[in-house]
Amino acid sequence: MTALSERHLTTLQGAMDAAAKRDYWSAYPEIPSGKIYGETARDDGLAAYEARLGKQFEIAGHPAQSSVGVEVSPYGPSLGISYPSASVELLVSASQAAATQWAAAPAKARIGICLEALSRLNARSFEMANAVMHTTGQGFAMAFQAGGPHAQDRGLEAVAYAYAEMTRTPAQAIWTKAQGKGEPIVLEKHWRVVPRGISLVIGCNTFPTWNSYPGLFASLATGNTVIVKPHPAAILPLAITVEIVRQVLAEEGFDANALLLAADTMGFEITKDLVQHPATAIIDYTGSNSFGSWVRANAGKADVYTEEAGVNSIVIGATDNFAGLCSNIAFSLSLYSGQMCTAPQNIFVPRSGISTDDGHKSFDAVAAGIAGAIDSLLSDPARAAGICGAIANPASLARVNEARSLGRIVRDSAPIEGLDDARTATPLILSVDAAAEAAYSEERFGPIVFIVAVDDVTEGVNRAAELAERRGAITAALYETEEASILAAADRFAKAGVNLSVNLTGGIYVNQSAAFSDFHVTGANPAGNASLTDTAFVANRFRIAMWRRPAAA
């Protein structure tokens, strides 16, 4: 074992055990508490973030020909940070120069470096929270959790899977084959992990670390060099990540260019050139279906792992906790203003209403109950700001305005009081009939919700599942009291490749995906072709090569 892998052995073993058991486990505390991270951690993190503003982001030894940076916080101010920028050819050349040494490193050495980097990222979680908050619009608490510990857990999960797959085959063995009365044939055989080449990680605007860490760390752990291409509006979180990992690489005697930042700017993106470069062997992509389709069509021989868009649905058949149903759905619809790949968009409700613990509720009463729960949840402006955050992309705000004409408004969207300089919008809820498929059958990213009238719960399940098969979906939720109906829905959504949550009324929400237990995306519908994290996500990032010879007598 290397010193770093020895230092973090308990963490690695805990991750591997958790992935096997699928029970709750986390290596990195999600509570932004001074008792956990240090009494001055919050202030230190803010100061570190503010020290970046208006300056050049220096990354020691990183290839650079110019500087780029146009990030503007969804809360108002410009970050004014400039990042090193280099041509595709310079980045690829630097990555290739670092590849031989990195590929030759023992798997345990690479694993140790990844684990040490994740540990250092965890220690910088408050700084990362501010970086994520002011590039994505997430509220601070969510930015801390999703941008810090939860992202780190997802990275650790990928490292654990990579270690398990790389060590599944022994490094060497003696092979003996009997030859009847003759002497047996005895060979010594040796196996080694051979990485695929350059790995390109294409980050997204809304979850730059959470969505990027699995691919980044899976590729690094398996011996591939990595080029990280952030979204131009959310460079800072991934620049901090690259900076920290490169520091560990250099300290351990490796060429830090095993990890590079491909920063660019709006209108002058280099993403397509990186995708099409013949040296690119692996691509991890998070983003829209349209560009995802382009990536898959133009990636050449590269293996592509995608998380794209989908239309997530909730089906309501019956409940024994109507108040809990309404409050749970209200939080799911409000969290980060619906800017999550797991956020529900469509809620299918029988026209005749549903049975509840509070008596029969008509279709309109169900809709009103959900809308009222949102009003209650967001009644305090400070709480609303923390839950909803700000809108990352101005196009999402325009989409809300355009959607008002698509159905009967049950609850109108409005800005959040006290965030006058920010782009904000609370959920817009529209009522439509199932026949109005043009309104609700495509993803309308942002705080836009359709409550759709259907004949019964079976029709709701079928419509939701069919949408997933056509358009993609990452999550689905069902409220039902009949066991047979629940099991039938589980079968139908499984066929559509959608993860299902049933009767959530407490502190767990359909939007949430827990590392080491929940497989994020199934890879079985158009919402993505990969799953975070399963064996298939890591095993194809390397090959096993053998050499053999007769064993010495």
Protein backbone atom coordinates (compact mmCIF):
# COMPACT_ATOMS: atom_id res chain seq x y z
CA MET A 1 0.00 0.00 0.00
CA THR A 2 1.18 3.54 -0.67
CA ALA A 3 1.19 5.99 2.21
CA LEU A 4 -1.92 7.78 0.96
CA SER A 5 -3.92 4.63 0.31
CA GLU A 6 -2.93 3.38 3.76
CA ARG A 7 -4.01 6.69 5.31
CA HIS A 8 -7.45 6.45 3.71
CA LEU A 9 -7.91 2.69 3.87
CA THR A 10 -10.77 2.92 6.37
CA THR A 11 -12.64 5.34 4.11
CA LEU A 12 -12.14 3.12 1.06
CA GLN A 13 -13.26 0.01 2.91
CA GLY A 14 -16.28 1.83 4.30
CA ALA A 15 -17.27 2.92 0.80
CA MET A 16 -16.90 -0.59 -0.61
CA ASP A 17 -18.90 -2.10 2.26
CA ALA A 18 -21.63 0.54 1.87
CA ALA A 19 -21.90 -0.07 -1.88
CA ALA A 20 -22.35 -3.77 -1.20
CA LYS A 21 -24.93 -3.33 1.58
CA ARG A 22 -26.74 -0.31 0.02
CA ASP A 23 -27.55 1.03 3.50
CA TYR A 24 -27.01 4.64 4.57
CA TRP A 25 -23.35 5.62 4.82
CA SER A 26 -21.41 8.79 4.16
CA ALA A 27 -17.74 9.58 4.48
CA TYR A 28 -18.23 13.33 4.49
CA PRO A 29 -20.61 15.08 6.94
CA GLU A 30 -23.39 16.99 5.17
CA ILE A 31 -24.10 19.40 8.03
CA PRO A 32 -22.33 22.77 7.62
CA SER A 33 -21.40 22.88 11.29
CA GLY A 34 -18.40 24.49 12.93
CA LYS A 35 -18.32 21.62 15.40
CA ILE A 36 -17.54 19.30 12.47
CA TYR A 37 -15.49 21.44 10.11
CA GLY A 38 -13.96 23.87 12.61
CA GLU A 39 -15.36 26.93 14.34
CA THR A 40 -13.91 29.31 11.75
CA ALA A 41 -14.65 27.12 8.71
CA ARG A 42 -17.67 29.13 7.53
CA ASP A 43 -15.86 32.47 7.72
CA ASP A 44 -12.68 31.02 6.28
CA GLY A 45 -14.60 29.53 3.35
CA LEU A 46 -16.30 32.82 2.58
CA ALA A 47 -13.01 34.68 2.82
CA ALA A 48 -11.34 32.17 0.48
CA TYR A 49 -14.14 32.60 -2.04
CA GLU A 50 -14.07 36.38 -1.85
CA ALA A 51 -10.30 36.37 -2.27
CA ARG A 52 -10.84 34.79 -5.71
CA LEU A 53 -13.12 37.54 -6.98
CA GLY A 54 -11.85 39.95 -9.59
CA LYS A 55 -8.53 38.14 -9.97
CA GLN A 56 -6.69 35.65 -12.13
CA PHE A 57 -7.21 32.08 -10.93
CA GLU A 58 -3.66 30.75 -10.86
CA ILE A 59 -3.13 27.01 -11.33
CA ALA A 60 0.54 26.16 -10.91
CA GLY A 61 2.09 24.67 -14.03
CA HIS A 62 -1.15 24.62 -15.99
CA PRO A 63 -0.87 25.21 -19.76
CA ALA A 64 -2.09 28.68 -20.65
CA GLN A 65 -2.11 30.88 -23.72
CA SER A 66 -4.71 33.42 -22.59
CA SER A 67 -7.36 34.01 -19.94
CA VAL A 68 -11.14 33.64 -19.99
CA GLY A 69 -13.94 34.17 -17.51
CA VAL A 70 -17.40 35.76 -17.67
CA GLU A 71 -19.18 34.22 -14.69
CA VAL A 72 -22.01 36.26 -13.20
CA SER A 73 -23.72 35.16 -10.01
CA PRO A 74 -27.45 34.43 -10.41
CA TYR A 75 -27.71 36.55 -7.26
CA GLY A 76 -26.40 39.59 -9.15
CA PRO A 77 -22.70 40.41 -9.04
CA SER A 78 -20.06 39.48 -11.57
CA LEU A 79 -17.35 37.20 -10.22
CA GLY A 80 -14.68 38.84 -12.36
CA ILE A 81 -12.42 35.77 -12.21
CA SER A 82 -10.11 34.90 -15.11
CA TYR A 83 -8.94 31.35 -15.74
CA PRO A 84 -6.02 29.94 -17.74
CA SER A 85 -7.11 29.10 -21.26
CA ALA A 86 -5.33 26.94 -23.80
CA SER A 87 -6.00 25.51 -27.23
CA VAL A 88 -7.36 22.02 -27.63
CA GLU A 89 -4.09 20.83 -29.14
CA LEU A 90 -2.04 22.23 -26.25
CA LEU A 91 -4.34 20.62 -23.68
CA VAL A 92 -4.32 17.28 -25.46
CA SER A 93 -0.54 17.37 -25.87
CA ALA A 94 -0.04 18.11 -22.17
CA SER A 95 -2.48 15.38 -21.21
CA GLN A 96 -0.72 12.85 -23.43
CA ALA A 97 2.67 13.80 -21.99
CA ALA A 98 1.39 12.99 -18.49
CA ALA A 99 -0.31 9.76 -19.53
CA THR A 100 2.55 7.24 -19.52
CA GLN A 101 3.62 7.94 -15.94
CA TRP A 102 0.05 8.03 -14.67
CA ALA A 103 -0.92 4.81 -16.41
CA ALA A 104 2.15 3.03 -15.05
CA ALA A 105 1.38 3.98 -11.44
CA PRO A 106 0.16 1.12 -9.23
CA ALA A 107 -3.61 1.12 -8.90
CA LYS A 108 -3.29 1.62 -5.14
CA ALA A 109 -1.16 4.72 -5.69
CA ARG A 110 -3.80 6.25 -7.95
CA ILE A 111 -6.55 5.30 -5.52
CA GLY A 112 -4.62 6.91 -2.66
CA ILE A 113 -4.22 10.16 -4.60
CA CYS A 114 -7.95 10.25 -5.39
CA LEU A 115 -8.85 9.62 -1.75
CA GLU A 116 -6.47 12.30 -0.51
CA ALA A 117 -7.87 14.78 -3.03
CA LEU A 118 -11.43 14.03 -1.89
CA SER A 119 -10.38 14.52 1.72
CA ARG A 120 -8.89 17.93 0.89
CA LEU A 121 -11.98 18.87 -1.09
CA ASN A 122 -14.06 18.00 1.93
CA ALA A 123 -11.97 20.29 4.12
CA ARG A 124 -12.68 23.11 1.63
CA SER A 125 -16.44 22.49 1.53
CA PHE A 126 -17.37 25.96 2.78
CA GLU A 127 -15.29 27.61 0.08
CA MET A 128 -16.84 25.25 -2.47
CA ALA A 129 -20.33 26.06 -1.17
CA ASN A 130 -19.85 29.74 -1.94
CA ALA A 131 -18.40 28.92 -5.36
CA VAL A 132 -21.34 26.66 -6.20
CA MET A 133 -23.92 29.08 -4.79
CA HIS A 134 -22.67 31.98 -6.91
CA THR A 135 -22.30 30.04 -10.15
CA THR A 136 -25.46 27.93 -10.00
CA GLY A 137 -27.92 29.91 -7.90
CA GLN A 138 -28.38 27.17 -5.31
CA GLY A 139 -29.15 28.33 -1.79
CA PHE A 140 -26.17 28.13 0.56
CA ALA A 141 -27.26 25.02 2.47
CA MET A 142 -27.94 23.11 -0.74
CA ALA A 143 -24.73 24.38 -2.34
CA PHE A 144 -22.78 23.13 0.66
CA GLN A 145 -24.37 19.70 0.59
CA ALA A 146 -24.70 19.06 -3.14
CA GLY A 147 -21.54 20.89 -4.14
CA GLY A 148 -19.48 19.56 -1.24
CA PRO A 149 -20.09 16.37 0.78
CA HIS A 150 -22.69 14.80 -1.52
CA ALA A 151 -20.49 15.37 -4.58
CA GLN A 152 -17.50 14.04 -2.67
CA ASP A 153 -19.47 10.93 -1.72
CA ARG A 154 -20.30 10.37 -5.38
CA GLY A 155 -16.64 10.74 -6.28
CA LEU A 156 -15.66 8.31 -3.53
CA GLU A 157 -18.30 5.87 -4.73
CA ALA A 158 -16.72 5.87 -8.20
CA VAL A 159 -13.25 5.34 -6.69
CA ALA A 160 -14.53 2.39 -4.65
CA TYR A 161 -16.11 0.77 -7.71
CA ALA A 162 -12.94 1.40 -9.71
CA TYR A 163 -10.77 -0.20 -7.03
CA ALA A 164 -13.04 -3.23 -6.83
CA GLU A 165 -12.95 -3.74 -10.60
CA MET A 166 -9.22 -3.16 -10.99
CA THR A 167 -8.38 -5.65 -8.22
CA ARG A 168 -10.85 -8.29 -9.36
CA THR A 169 -8.10 -9.79 -11.50
CA PRO A 170 -4.88 -10.77 -9.65
CA ALA A 171 -1.62 -9.17 -10.70
CA GLN A 172 -0.05 -12.56 -11.31
CA ALA A 173 -0.65 -16.29 -11.07
CA ILE A 174 0.96 -19.66 -11.81
CA TRP A 175 -1.00 -21.60 -14.44
CA THR A 176 -0.59 -25.36 -14.47
CA LYS A 177 -2.08 -27.70 -17.06
CA ALA A 178 -1.70 -31.45 -16.63
CA GLN A 179 -0.33 -33.41 -19.61
CA GLY A 180 -1.22 -37.00 -18.76
CA LYS A 181 1.94 -38.92 -18.06
CA GLY A 182 4.09 -36.05 -19.20
CA GLU A 183 5.26 -33.10 -17.22
CA PRO A 184 2.56 -30.45 -16.74
CA ILE A 185 2.77 -27.17 -18.61
CA VAL A 186 3.48 -24.43 -16.08
CA LEU A 187 3.27 -20.78 -17.02
CA GLU A 188 3.63 -17.65 -15.00
CA LYS A 189 1.04 -15.08 -16.04
CA HIS A 190 0.93 -11.36 -15.30
CA TRP A 191 -2.00 -8.96 -15.73
CA ARG A 192 -2.04 -5.20 -15.67
CA VAL A 193 -4.63 -2.45 -15.94
CA VAL A 194 -4.36 -0.52 -19.21
CA PRO A 195 -6.28 2.79 -19.29
CA ARG A 196 -8.15 3.88 -22.39
CA GLY A 197 -6.58 7.32 -22.88
CA ILE A 198 -7.78 10.88 -22.41
CA SER A 199 -11.04 11.26 -20.52
CA LEU A 200 -13.15 14.36 -21.21
CA VAL A 201 -15.55 15.45 -18.46
CA ILE A 202 -18.13 17.99 -19.66
CA GLY A 203 -19.63 19.82 -16.68
CA CYS A 204 -23.05 21.41 -16.39
CA ASN A 205 -24.22 24.78 -15.11
CA THR A 206 -26.49 23.62 -12.28
CA PHE A 207 -24.48 20.86 -10.54
CA PRO A 208 -20.86 21.33 -11.64
CA THR A 209 -19.28 19.08 -8.98
CA TRP A 210 -22.04 16.56 -8.18
CA ASN A 211 -22.40 15.56 -11.81
CA SER A 212 -18.70 15.75 -12.70
CA TYR A 213 -17.00 13.97 -9.81
CA PRO A 214 -18.11 10.42 -10.69
CA GLY A 215 -16.59 10.50 -14.17
CA LEU A 216 -13.58 12.57 -13.11
CA PHE A 217 -12.56 10.25 -10.28
CA ALA A 218 -13.54 7.03 -12.05
CA SER A 219 -11.23 7.92 -14.94
CA LEU A 220 -8.36 9.15 -12.78
CA ALA A 221 -8.52 6.07 -10.56
CA THR A 222 -8.37 3.74 -13.55
CA GLY A 223 -5.29 5.44 -14.96
CA ASN A 224 -6.73 7.78 -17.56
CA THR A 225 -5.67 11.39 -17.78
CA VAL A 226 -8.60 13.79 -17.54
CA ILE A 227 -9.54 17.10 -19.15
CA VAL A 228 -12.38 18.86 -17.34
CA LYS A 229 -14.48 21.14 -19.53
CA PRO A 230 -16.69 23.25 -17.23
CA HIS A 231 -19.79 25.12 -18.31
CA PRO A 232 -18.65 28.71 -19.02
CA ALA A 233 -21.08 30.00 -16.39
CA ALA A 234 -19.83 27.62 -13.68
CA ILE A 235 -16.06 27.32 -13.97
CA LEU A 236 -15.05 28.18 -10.40
CA PRO A 237 -16.16 24.98 -8.60
CA LEU A 238 -14.31 22.78 -11.08
CA ALA A 239 -11.30 25.09 -11.16
CA ILE A 240 -10.98 24.69 -7.38
CA THR A 241 -11.32 20.94 -7.85
CA VAL A 242 -8.61 20.81 -10.51
CA GLU A 243 -6.34 22.99 -8.39
CA ILE A 244 -6.62 20.68 -5.37
CA VAL A 245 -6.20 17.41 -7.27
CA ARG A 246 -3.19 18.78 -9.15
CA GLN A 247 -1.56 19.75 -5.85
CA VAL A 248 -1.84 16.15 -4.64
CA LEU A 249 -0.52 14.80 -7.95
CA ALA A 250 2.52 17.07 -7.81
CA GLU A 251 3.24 16.26 -4.16
CA GLU A 252 3.27 12.56 -4.99
CA GLY A 253 5.73 13.05 -7.85
CA PHE A 254 3.32 12.86 -10.78
CA ASP A 255 2.87 15.22 -13.69
CA ALA A 256 -0.01 17.43 -12.56
CA ASN A 257 -1.20 17.63 -16.16
CA ALA A 258 -2.86 14.28 -15.59
CA LEU A 259 -5.75 16.61 -14.74
CA LEU A 260 -6.41 19.74 -16.79
CA LEU A 261 -9.01 22.49 -16.93
CA ALA A 262 -10.44 23.39 -20.34
CA ALA A 263 -11.92 26.78 -19.56
CA ASP A 264 -13.71 28.66 -22.33
CA THR A 265 -16.32 31.36 -22.77
CA MET A 266 -19.82 31.69 -24.18
CA GLY A 267 -19.87 31.69 -27.97
CA PHE A 268 -16.30 30.41 -28.19
CA GLU A 269 -16.69 26.99 -26.60
CA ILE A 270 -14.09 24.32 -27.36
CA THR A 271 -16.33 21.43 -26.33
CA LYS A 272 -17.01 20.12 -29.83
CA ASP A 273 -13.33 20.14 -30.74
CA LEU A 274 -12.50 18.16 -27.61
CA VAL A 275 -15.29 15.66 -28.28
CA GLN A 276 -14.13 15.10 -31.85
CA HIS A 277 -10.42 14.95 -31.10
CA PRO A 278 -9.09 11.48 -31.99
CA ALA A 279 -7.16 11.28 -28.70
CA THR A 280 -10.34 11.54 -26.64
CA ALA A 281 -11.18 8.03 -25.47
CA ILE A 282 -13.83 8.61 -22.79
CA ILE A 283 -16.51 11.29 -22.52
CA ASP A 284 -18.70 12.04 -19.50
CA TYR A 285 -21.47 14.48 -20.38
CA THR A 286 -24.24 16.12 -18.38
CA GLY A 287 -26.68 18.45 -20.09
CA SER A 288 -29.43 18.78 -22.65
CA ASN A 289 -30.70 16.02 -24.91
CA SER A 290 -29.94 18.04 -28.02
CA PHE A 291 -26.24 18.44 -27.30
CA GLY A 292 -26.13 14.95 -25.81
CA SER A 293 -27.34 13.59 -29.15
CA TRP A 294 -24.62 15.57 -30.90
CA VAL A 295 -21.97 14.21 -28.53
CA ARG A 296 -23.05 10.62 -29.08
CA ALA A 297 -23.14 11.10 -32.85
CA ASN A 298 -19.74 12.78 -33.06
CA ALA A 299 -17.67 11.06 -30.39
CA GLY A 300 -16.03 8.68 -32.84
CA LYS A 301 -14.49 5.71 -31.04
CA ALA A 302 -14.78 7.29 -27.59
CA ASP A 303 -16.96 5.65 -24.95
CA VAL A 304 -19.69 8.08 -23.93
CA TYR A 305 -21.44 8.23 -20.55
CA THR A 306 -24.36 10.67 -20.44
CA GLU A 307 -26.90 12.12 -18.08
CA GLU A 308 -29.37 14.08 -20.15
CA ALA A 309 -32.84 15.53 -19.68
CA GLY A 310 -36.13 13.84 -18.92
CA VAL A 311 -39.74 14.36 -17.88
CA ASN A 312 -40.15 13.20 -14.29
CA SER A 313 -43.63 12.40 -13.00
CA ILE A 314 -45.65 11.87 -9.85
CA VAL A 315 -48.80 9.73 -9.91
CA ILE A 316 -51.35 10.16 -7.12
CA GLY A 317 -53.89 7.37 -6.60
CA ALA A 318 -54.65 7.49 -2.88
CA THR A 319 -52.97 8.40 0.40
CA ASP A 320 -53.34 7.88 4.11
CA ASN A 321 -51.47 11.15 4.82
CA PHE A 322 -52.77 13.92 2.60
CA ALA A 323 -51.06 16.72 4.51
CA GLY A 324 -47.75 14.86 4.36
CA LEU A 325 -48.21 14.20 0.64
CA CYS A 326 -48.81 17.88 -0.07
CA SER A 327 -45.89 19.13 2.02
CA ASN A 328 -43.50 16.55 0.59
CA ILE A 329 -44.42 17.36 -3.00
CA ALA A 330 -44.30 21.09 -2.24
CA PHE A 331 -40.70 20.84 -1.12
CA SER A 332 -39.76 18.71 -4.13
CA LEU A 333 -41.27 21.27 -6.51
CA SER A 334 -39.69 24.26 -4.75
CA LEU A 335 -36.17 22.95 -4.11
CA TYR A 336 -33.69 24.90 -6.24
CA SER A 337 -36.65 26.19 -8.25
CA GLY A 338 -37.06 22.88 -10.05
CA GLN A 339 -33.59 23.12 -11.64
CA MET A 340 -32.72 19.52 -10.84
CA CYS A 341 -32.59 16.58 -13.21
CA THR A 342 -34.56 14.67 -10.57
CA ALA A 343 -37.25 17.31 -10.00
CA PRO A 344 -40.83 16.30 -10.87
CA GLN A 345 -42.65 18.18 -13.62
CA ASN A 346 -45.92 16.30 -14.11
CA ILE A 347 -48.39 15.22 -11.43
CA PHE A 348 -51.05 12.80 -12.68
CA VAL A 349 -54.28 12.85 -10.65
CA PRO A 350 -57.58 11.05 -11.37
CA ARG A 351 -60.32 13.37 -12.61
CA SER A 352 -62.66 11.89 -10.03
CA GLY A 353 -60.26 12.68 -7.22
CA ILE A 354 -58.61 10.43 -4.63
CA SER A 355 -59.36 8.87 -1.27
CA THR A 356 -57.35 10.20 1.67
CA ASP A 357 -57.20 10.07 5.45
CA ASP A 358 -59.10 13.39 5.32
CA GLY A 359 -61.91 12.06 3.17
CA HIS A 360 -62.36 12.19 -0.57
CA LYS A 361 -60.42 14.95 -2.33
CA SER A 362 -61.48 16.16 -5.76
CA PHE A 363 -58.96 16.81 -8.52
CA ASP A 364 -59.13 20.55 -7.79
CA ALA A 365 -58.75 19.93 -4.06
CA VAL A 366 -55.58 17.92 -4.65
CA ALA A 367 -54.18 20.68 -6.83
CA ALA A 368 -55.15 23.30 -4.28
CA GLY A 369 -53.61 21.26 -1.46
CA ILE A 370 -50.25 21.12 -3.22
CA ALA A 371 -50.37 24.80 -4.16
CA GLY A 372 -51.31 25.75 -0.61
CA ALA A 373 -48.44 23.71 0.80
CA ILE A 374 -46.03 25.61 -1.46
CA ASP A 375 -47.49 28.91 -0.29
CA SER A 376 -47.01 27.86 3.33
CA LEU A 377 -43.49 26.55 2.74
CA LEU A 378 -42.38 29.75 1.01
CA SER A 379 -44.31 32.23 3.16
CA ASP A 380 -41.15 33.38 4.93
CA PRO A 381 -38.90 35.16 2.39
CA ALA A 382 -35.67 34.04 4.06
CA ARG A 383 -36.76 30.42 4.01
CA ALA A 384 -37.99 30.78 0.43
CA ALA A 385 -34.60 32.14 -0.61
CA GLY A 386 -32.81 29.23 1.02
CA ILE A 387 -35.05 26.61 -0.56
CA CYS A 388 -35.60 28.06 -4.04
CA GLY A 389 -32.28 29.80 -4.54
CA ALA A 390 -31.88 31.69 -7.79
CA ILE A 391 -32.39 30.82 -11.46
CA ALA A 392 -29.09 29.76 -13.03
CA ASN A 393 -29.95 30.56 -16.65
CA PRO A 394 -32.04 33.52 -17.82
CA ALA A 395 -33.67 31.18 -20.37
CA SER A 396 -35.33 29.30 -17.51
CA LEU A 397 -36.98 32.50 -16.32
CA ALA A 398 -38.22 33.21 -19.83
CA ARG A 399 -39.56 29.66 -19.99
CA VAL A 400 -41.72 30.29 -16.92
CA ASN A 401 -43.27 33.35 -18.57
CA GLU A 402 -43.98 31.43 -21.76
CA ALA A 403 -45.54 28.48 -19.91
CA ARG A 404 -48.37 30.50 -18.35
CA SER A 405 -50.45 30.06 -21.50
CA LEU A 406 -50.19 26.26 -21.50
CA GLY A 407 -52.94 25.53 -18.96
CA ARG A 408 -55.15 26.87 -16.20
CA ILE A 409 -53.01 28.58 -13.60
CA VAL A 410 -53.44 26.94 -10.21
CA ARG A 411 -50.55 28.79 -8.62
CA ASP A 412 -48.66 31.60 -10.32
CA SER A 413 -44.91 32.02 -10.15
CA ALA A 414 -43.51 35.11 -8.47
CA PRO A 415 -40.11 36.57 -7.54
CA ILE A 416 -38.80 35.98 -4.04
CA GLU A 417 -39.02 38.97 -1.75
CA GLY A 418 -35.67 40.32 -0.63
CA LEU A 419 -33.68 38.99 -3.59
CA ASP A 420 -34.24 41.97 -5.84
CA ASP A 421 -30.89 41.71 -7.62
CA ALA A 422 -31.25 37.99 -8.27
CA ARG A 423 -33.16 35.97 -10.87
CA THR A 424 -35.83 34.18 -8.84
CA ALA A 425 -39.12 32.40 -9.43
CA THR A 426 -41.35 30.27 -7.23
CA PRO A 427 -43.18 27.30 -8.79
CA LEU A 428 -45.78 27.88 -11.50
CA ILE A 429 -48.52 25.23 -11.32
CA LEU A 430 -50.81 24.64 -14.29
CA SER A 431 -53.81 22.34 -14.59
CA VAL A 432 -54.28 20.47 -17.88
CA ASP A 433 -56.13 17.46 -19.21
CA ALA A 434 -54.24 14.35 -20.23
CA ALA A 435 -55.22 15.03 -23.84
CA ALA A 436 -53.09 18.22 -23.83
CA GLU A 437 -49.87 16.27 -24.35
CA ALA A 438 -48.13 19.09 -26.17
CA ALA A 439 -48.07 21.06 -22.94
CA TYR A 440 -46.57 18.51 -20.57
CA SER A 441 -44.87 15.87 -22.70
CA GLU A 442 -41.57 17.71 -23.09
CA GLU A 443 -39.14 18.83 -20.42
CA ARG A 444 -39.70 22.45 -19.40
CA PHE A 445 -36.67 22.95 -17.18
CA GLY A 446 -37.26 25.16 -14.18
CA PRO A 447 -40.12 25.82 -11.72
CA ILE A 448 -42.93 24.70 -14.05
CA VAL A 449 -45.41 22.04 -12.93
CA PHE A 450 -48.39 20.42 -14.64
CA ILE A 451 -51.18 18.73 -12.70
CA VAL A 452 -52.65 16.39 -15.29
CA ALA A 453 -56.18 14.98 -15.13
CA VAL A 454 -56.36 11.26 -16.00
CA ASP A 455 -59.07 8.59 -15.78
CA ASP A 456 -57.41 6.66 -12.97
CA VAL A 457 -54.09 5.75 -11.38
CA THR A 458 -53.38 3.09 -14.02
CA GLU A 459 -53.64 5.63 -16.81
CA GLY A 460 -51.41 7.98 -14.83
CA VAL A 461 -48.74 5.31 -14.40
CA ASN A 462 -48.90 4.33 -18.05
CA ARG A 463 -48.68 7.90 -19.30
CA ALA A 464 -45.75 8.66 -17.00
CA ALA A 465 -43.93 5.49 -18.03
CA GLU A 466 -44.58 6.04 -21.73
CA LEU A 467 -43.22 9.57 -21.42
CA ALA A 468 -40.10 8.13 -19.80
CA GLU A 469 -39.66 5.69 -22.64
CA ARG A 470 -40.02 8.42 -25.26
CA ARG A 471 -38.48 11.43 -23.58
CA GLY A 472 -36.53 9.97 -20.68
CA ALA A 473 -37.04 10.22 -16.93
CA ILE A 474 -34.75 9.83 -13.95
CA THR A 475 -37.31 9.73 -11.15
CA ALA A 476 -40.95 8.83 -10.62
CA ALA A 477 -43.13 8.93 -7.52
CA LEU A 478 -46.36 7.17 -6.64
CA TYR A 479 -48.91 7.72 -3.89
CA GLU A 480 -51.13 4.68 -3.49
CA THR A 481 -52.59 2.53 -0.72
CA GLU A 482 -53.33 -0.67 -2.65
CA GLU A 483 -50.36 -3.06 -2.62
CA ALA A 484 -51.29 -4.63 -5.95
CA SER A 485 -51.34 -1.20 -7.58
CA ILE A 486 -47.97 -0.33 -6.05
CA LEU A 487 -46.36 -3.52 -7.33
CA ALA A 488 -47.86 -3.07 -10.79
CA ALA A 489 -46.48 0.47 -10.94
CA ALA A 490 -43.05 -0.74 -9.82
CA ASP A 491 -43.08 -3.24 -12.70
CA ARG A 492 -44.17 -0.64 -15.23
CA PHE A 493 -41.61 1.97 -14.20
CA ALA A 494 -38.85 -0.66 -14.08
CA LYS A 495 -39.69 -1.55 -17.68
CA ALA A 496 -39.37 2.14 -18.54
CA GLY A 497 -36.02 2.32 -16.75
CA VAL A 498 -37.15 4.77 -14.06
CA ASN A 499 -36.37 4.70 -10.35
CA LEU A 500 -39.59 4.84 -8.32
CA SER A 501 -40.34 6.34 -4.89
CA VAL A 502 -43.58 5.33 -3.15
CA ASN A 503 -45.58 7.22 -0.52
CA LEU A 504 -42.95 9.76 0.51
CA THR A 505 -44.44 12.01 3.18
CA GLY A 506 -41.50 12.72 5.51
CA GLY A 507 -37.97 14.07 5.19
CA ILE A 508 -36.91 12.15 2.08
CA TYR A 509 -37.86 13.59 -1.30
CA VAL A 510 -38.07 12.23 -4.82
CA ASN A 511 -35.35 14.69 -5.92
CA GLN A 512 -32.75 13.17 -3.61
CA SER A 513 -30.29 10.47 -4.62
CA ALA A 514 -28.01 8.96 -1.98
CA ALA A 515 -24.53 7.74 -2.87
CA PHE A 516 -23.72 4.11 -2.06
CA SER A 517 -27.42 3.22 -2.11
CA ASP A 518 -29.37 4.89 -4.92
CA PHE A 519 -28.30 4.35 -8.52
CA HIS A 520 -28.65 7.79 -10.10
CA VAL A 521 -30.13 7.30 -13.59
CA THR A 522 -30.60 3.76 -14.83
CA GLY A 523 -29.16 4.22 -18.31
CA ALA A 524 -32.26 2.47 -19.62
CA ASN A 525 -34.17 5.38 -21.17
CA PRO A 526 -33.33 8.61 -23.05
CA ALA A 527 -32.52 10.50 -19.82
CA GLY A 528 -29.03 8.99 -19.94
CA ASN A 529 -27.07 5.95 -21.02
CA ALA A 530 -25.09 5.54 -17.78
CA SER A 531 -25.76 5.03 -14.09
CA LEU A 532 -24.01 6.72 -11.18
CA THR A 533 -22.49 4.54 -10.03
CA ASP A 534 -22.64 0.94 -11.17
CA THR A 535 -20.00 -1.49 -12.37
CA ALA A 536 -20.60 -0.60 -16.02
CA PHE A 537 -19.73 3.02 -15.26
CA VAL A 538 -16.14 2.18 -14.34
CA ALA A 539 -15.27 -1.22 -15.82
CA ASN A 540 -14.94 -0.06 -19.43
CA ARG A 541 -12.54 2.75 -18.56
CA PHE A 542 -9.65 0.29 -18.65
CA ARG A 543 -8.61 -3.01 -20.20
CA ILE A 544 -6.64 -5.90 -18.78
CA ALA A 545 -3.46 -6.84 -20.68
CA MET A 546 -1.47 -10.01 -19.98
CA TRP A 547 2.03 -11.26 -20.51
CA ARG A 548 3.09 -14.84 -19.81
CA ARG A 549 6.09 -17.16 -20.00
CA PRO A 550 7.11 -20.63 -18.87
CA ALA A 551 7.58 -20.71 -15.15
CA ALA A 552 11.11 -21.10 -13.86
CA ALA A 553 11.91 -24.63 -12.77
